[in-house]
């Protein structure tokens, strides 16, 4: 029996985000929309993300989460309007209600931590490291609710 828990993300979500000032831009708040669906025999979760700040689109992303049934492992490919192109997938794992990934690129590392507080609500925390994962700095925290 597989442990594919990507189905938890399926649906349309909205949420508020708090963005820390970083080398990627100014701090502040954003309103986000996320649409997620399963594909490829339910082994891939396709996610479309957009966030607006001050009434204008400031970030868009496409994420592909993959579940490998034989090894029960997860991988994430993340593409965004800031120009991040993955050279390789970010490996991920579940720990209780938390799903975490660490993306590595020439720009540093980004850690994604998804935490489900219920079937209709999850939190996302993004952190970056520029010293090989020795120290981490908050990039963004978001809280999302399922709307359908």
Protein backbone atom coordinates (compact mmCIF):
# COMPACT_ATOMS: atom_id res chain seq x y z
CA UNK A 1 0.00 0.00 0.00
CA UNK A 2 1.46 3.34 -1.03
CA UNK A 3 1.84 6.33 1.25
CA UNK A 4 1.12 8.99 -1.41
CA UNK A 5 -0.19 11.90 0.62
CA UNK A 6 -0.01 14.45 -2.20
CA UNK A 7 -3.81 14.19 -2.47
CA UNK A 8 -3.96 16.46 0.62
CA UNK A 9 -2.97 19.39 -1.63
CA UNK A 10 -5.68 18.88 -4.28
CA UNK A 11 -8.04 21.81 -4.71
CA UNK A 12 -8.09 25.57 -4.83
CA UNK A 13 -6.51 27.47 -1.95
CA UNK A 14 -6.17 31.11 -0.94
CA UNK A 15 -4.02 32.62 1.74
CA UNK A 16 -2.07 35.46 3.21
CA UNK A 17 1.69 35.56 3.21
CA UNK A 18 4.23 37.49 5.22
CA UNK A 19 7.41 38.07 3.25
CA UNK A 20 10.71 38.88 4.93
CA UNK A 21 13.03 41.44 3.40
CA UNK A 22 15.75 39.55 1.55
CA UNK A 23 18.07 39.73 -1.42
CA UNK A 24 14.98 38.79 -3.50
CA UNK A 25 13.03 41.91 -2.54
CA UNK A 26 11.34 44.04 0.10
CA UNK A 27 9.38 42.58 2.96
CA UNK A 28 5.63 42.92 3.26
CA UNK A 29 2.45 40.96 2.74
CA UNK A 30 0.89 39.20 -0.23
CA UNK A 31 -2.36 37.47 -1.13
CA UNK A 32 -1.88 34.11 -2.81
CA UNK A 33 -3.95 31.68 -4.86
CA UNK A 34 -2.94 28.08 -5.40
CA UNK A 35 -4.56 25.50 -7.64
CA UNK A 36 -3.43 21.89 -7.33
CA UNK A 37 -4.41 18.71 -9.16
CA UNK A 38 -3.17 15.15 -9.38
CA UNK A 39 -1.99 13.78 -12.72
CA UNK A 40 0.01 10.88 -14.18
CA UNK A 41 -1.86 8.11 -12.35
CA UNK A 42 -1.90 10.24 -9.18
CA UNK A 43 1.90 10.21 -8.91
CA UNK A 44 2.32 13.88 -9.82
CA UNK A 45 0.78 16.91 -8.19
CA UNK A 46 0.71 19.91 -10.52
CA UNK A 47 0.49 23.19 -8.65
CA UNK A 48 -0.04 26.68 -10.04
CA UNK A 49 0.72 29.53 -7.64
CA UNK A 50 0.35 33.28 -7.89
CA UNK A 51 0.75 36.05 -5.33
CA UNK A 52 -0.20 39.72 -5.48
CA UNK A 53 1.26 42.61 -3.53
CA UNK A 54 -0.40 46.03 -3.54
CA UNK A 55 -2.85 44.78 -6.17
CA UNK A 56 -0.14 43.67 -8.62
CA UNK A 57 1.24 40.23 -9.45
CA UNK A 58 4.68 39.95 -7.92
CA UNK A 59 5.34 36.20 -8.10
CA UNK A 60 4.05 33.24 -10.07
CA UNK A 61 5.25 29.65 -9.87
CA UNK A 62 4.60 26.20 -11.23
CA UNK A 63 5.50 23.32 -8.97
CA UNK A 64 5.54 19.63 -9.78
CA UNK A 65 5.55 17.29 -6.80
CA UNK A 66 6.34 13.68 -7.68
CA UNK A 67 5.68 10.52 -5.70
CA UNK A 68 7.78 7.44 -6.47
CA UNK A 69 5.70 4.48 -5.26
CA UNK A 70 8.45 1.81 -5.20
CA UNK A 71 10.64 3.90 -2.88
CA UNK A 72 7.77 5.93 -1.34
CA UNK A 73 9.86 9.06 -1.88
CA UNK A 74 8.88 12.58 -2.90
CA UNK A 75 10.55 15.11 -5.19
CA UNK A 76 9.78 18.73 -6.05
CA UNK A 77 10.50 20.68 -9.23
CA UNK A 78 9.93 24.43 -8.72
CA UNK A 79 9.79 27.03 -11.52
CA UNK A 80 9.04 30.69 -10.77
CA UNK A 81 8.88 34.15 -12.28
CA UNK A 82 12.06 35.17 -10.44
CA UNK A 83 13.93 32.88 -12.82
CA UNK A 84 14.60 29.81 -10.70
CA UNK A 85 15.08 26.78 -12.93
CA UNK A 86 15.73 23.48 -11.15
CA UNK A 87 18.81 21.56 -12.22
CA UNK A 88 17.54 18.62 -10.20
CA UNK A 89 14.51 17.81 -8.10
CA UNK A 90 14.45 18.68 -4.42
CA UNK A 91 14.08 15.51 -2.33
CA UNK A 92 11.32 15.55 0.24
CA UNK A 93 9.94 13.58 3.13
CA UNK A 94 6.96 13.49 5.45
CA UNK A 95 7.43 13.76 9.19
CA UNK A 96 4.02 13.53 10.83
CA UNK A 97 1.89 16.28 9.29
CA UNK A 98 4.94 18.06 7.82
CA UNK A 99 6.30 17.68 4.29
CA UNK A 100 9.72 19.24 3.74
CA UNK A 101 11.94 19.75 0.70
CA UNK A 102 15.33 21.41 0.27
CA UNK A 103 16.02 22.90 -3.16
CA UNK A 104 19.67 23.46 -4.12
CA UNK A 105 20.84 25.85 -6.85
CA UNK A 106 23.84 28.08 -7.58
CA UNK A 107 21.86 30.79 -5.70
CA UNK A 108 21.85 28.80 -2.46
CA UNK A 109 19.38 26.49 -0.76
CA UNK A 110 15.66 26.94 -0.12
CA UNK A 111 13.79 24.86 2.41
CA UNK A 112 10.03 24.37 1.99
CA UNK A 113 8.09 23.20 5.04
CA UNK A 114 4.40 22.40 4.49
CA UNK A 115 2.40 21.76 7.67
CA UNK A 116 -1.21 20.58 7.59
CA UNK A 117 -3.23 21.72 10.60
CA UNK A 118 -6.42 20.20 9.11
CA UNK A 119 -7.60 18.79 5.79
CA UNK A 120 -8.61 22.32 4.73
CA UNK A 121 -5.70 24.36 6.06
CA UNK A 122 -1.93 24.31 5.74
CA UNK A 123 1.04 26.52 6.46
CA UNK A 124 4.12 27.02 4.28
CA UNK A 125 7.42 28.32 5.55
CA UNK A 126 10.25 29.10 3.11
CA UNK A 127 13.79 29.61 4.36
CA UNK A 128 17.04 30.26 2.50
CA UNK A 129 20.62 29.34 3.26
CA UNK A 130 23.67 30.75 1.53
CA UNK A 131 26.26 28.83 3.55
CA UNK A 132 25.44 25.22 2.66
CA UNK A 133 22.64 24.82 5.20
CA UNK A 134 24.58 25.96 8.28
CA UNK A 135 22.24 28.91 8.89
CA UNK A 136 18.73 29.57 7.59
CA UNK A 137 16.85 32.86 7.14
CA UNK A 138 13.10 33.23 6.84
CA UNK A 139 11.91 34.19 3.36
CA UNK A 140 8.14 33.75 3.64
CA UNK A 141 5.38 32.33 5.81
CA UNK A 142 1.95 31.66 4.36
CA UNK A 143 -1.33 30.33 5.71
CA UNK A 144 -3.72 28.80 3.15
CA UNK A 145 -7.33 27.65 3.34
CA UNK A 146 -9.11 25.39 0.88
CA UNK A 147 -11.90 27.19 -1.00
CA UNK A 148 -12.89 24.22 -3.20
